[in-house]
Protein backbone atom coordinates (compact mmCIF):
# COMPACT_ATOMS: atom_id res chain seq x y z
CA MET A 1 -54.89 39.85 16.23
CA MET A 2 -52.50 40.06 19.40
CA ALA A 3 -51.17 35.97 18.73
CA LYS A 4 -50.44 37.60 15.06
CA GLN A 5 -48.25 40.52 16.31
CA SER A 6 -45.88 38.73 19.20
CA SER A 7 -45.57 35.68 16.82
CA GLN A 8 -43.91 37.87 14.23
CA GLU A 9 -41.81 40.06 16.84
CA VAL A 10 -40.78 36.64 17.87
CA VAL A 11 -39.75 35.81 13.76
CA LEU A 12 -38.23 39.32 13.54
CA SER A 13 -35.96 39.59 16.71
CA ARG A 14 -35.24 35.77 16.13
CA GLU A 15 -33.81 36.59 12.79
CA GLU A 16 -32.18 39.31 14.25
CA ILE A 17 -30.14 37.34 16.13
CA LYS A 18 -28.77 34.87 13.50
CA LYS A 19 -28.36 37.98 11.50
CA GLN A 20 -25.66 39.67 15.05
CA LYS A 21 -24.60 36.02 15.23
CA ARG A 22 -23.20 35.65 11.66
CA GLU A 23 -21.90 39.42 12.30
CA GLN A 24 -19.99 38.12 15.42
CA LYS A 25 -18.51 35.46 13.06
CA ILE A 26 -17.45 37.73 10.96
CA GLU A 27 -15.64 39.40 13.22
CA LYS A 28 -13.80 36.92 14.52
CA GLN A 29 -12.86 35.52 11.54
CA ALA A 30 -11.30 38.96 10.38
CA LYS A 31 -9.62 39.17 13.58
CA ILE A 32 -7.80 36.04 12.44
CA PRO A 33 -5.31 36.27 10.80
CA LYS A 34 -5.19 33.82 7.48
CA ARG A 35 -2.18 31.20 7.73
CA ILE A 36 -0.16 30.89 4.17
CA ARG A 37 1.14 27.73 4.33
CA ILE A 38 4.80 27.68 2.27
CA ARG A 39 5.48 23.89 0.72
CA LEU A 40 8.92 22.52 1.49
CA ILE A 41 9.26 20.61 -1.76
CA PRO A 42 7.22 22.03 -4.66
CA ILE A 43 3.42 19.55 -5.93
CA TRP A 44 5.67 19.03 -9.39
CA LEU A 45 8.77 18.04 -7.22
CA ARG A 46 6.44 15.35 -5.13
CA LEU A 47 5.27 13.89 -8.37
CA PHE A 48 8.77 13.46 -10.04
CA LEU A 49 10.12 12.17 -6.81
CA ILE A 50 6.83 9.79 -6.87
CA VAL A 51 7.55 8.43 -10.62
CA ILE A 52 11.29 7.80 -9.52
CA LEU A 53 10.59 5.88 -6.31
CA VAL A 54 7.78 3.52 -8.30
CA ALA A 55 10.34 3.24 -11.14
CA ALA A 56 13.13 2.38 -8.48
CA SER A 57 10.95 -0.11 -7.18
CA LEU A 58 9.78 -1.70 -9.87
CA VAL A 59 13.63 -2.20 -11.03
CA ALA A 60 14.38 -3.72 -7.27
CA GLY A 61 11.72 -5.89 -7.90
CA LEU A 62 12.25 -7.47 -11.08
CA MET A 63 16.10 -7.74 -9.77
CA VAL A 64 15.22 -10.04 -7.02
CA GLY A 65 12.16 -11.77 -8.26
CA TYR A 66 14.62 -12.83 -10.89
CA GLY A 67 18.10 -13.24 -9.08
CA VAL A 68 16.44 -14.38 -6.17
CA ILE A 69 13.63 -16.26 -6.21
CA GLY A 70 14.66 -17.51 -9.98
CA ASP A 71 17.60 -18.66 -8.92
CA GLY A 72 19.49 -16.03 -11.77
CA ASN A 73 21.85 -13.12 -11.79
CA PRO A 74 20.35 -10.34 -10.66
CA LYS A 75 21.38 -7.96 -13.68
CA ASP A 76 20.48 -9.91 -15.98
CA ALA A 77 16.74 -9.21 -15.35
CA LEU A 78 18.05 -5.63 -16.66
CA LYS A 79 19.24 -6.57 -19.55
CA LYS A 80 17.02 -7.22 -23.19
CA THR A 81 17.61 -10.22 -24.19
CA THR A 82 16.64 -12.27 -21.13
CA TRP A 83 13.10 -10.04 -21.57
CA THR A 84 12.72 -10.60 -25.09
CA HIS A 85 13.09 -14.95 -24.42
CA ILE A 86 10.49 -14.46 -21.77
CA ILE A 87 8.20 -12.82 -23.89
CA ASP A 88 8.99 -15.81 -27.02
CA LEU A 89 8.44 -18.29 -24.55
CA VAL A 90 5.22 -16.34 -23.42
CA VAL A 91 4.14 -15.90 -27.14
CA GLU A 92 5.36 -19.10 -28.78
CA LYS A 93 3.31 -20.43 -32.14
CA LYS A 94 1.54 -23.65 -30.96
């Protein structure tokens, strides 16, 4: 019987220690002021900038590919007639 009582006392003391540690942790968190993050650039503006940068890189890639690698005029890569001609060559009926 004594062994059962002492083991229960140990369990209770362990639980008390855990409770005290939790309380200390909560007190430490209460003392530390929460840091508020202020964004210089809002998220919606970031997404808009990403879309603009992707479009600009696409246009730059088209111009470099058509003008430098393809030996054509880089401004011709932005014309609609160039792309209709390319699509006609690709989709040509046999």
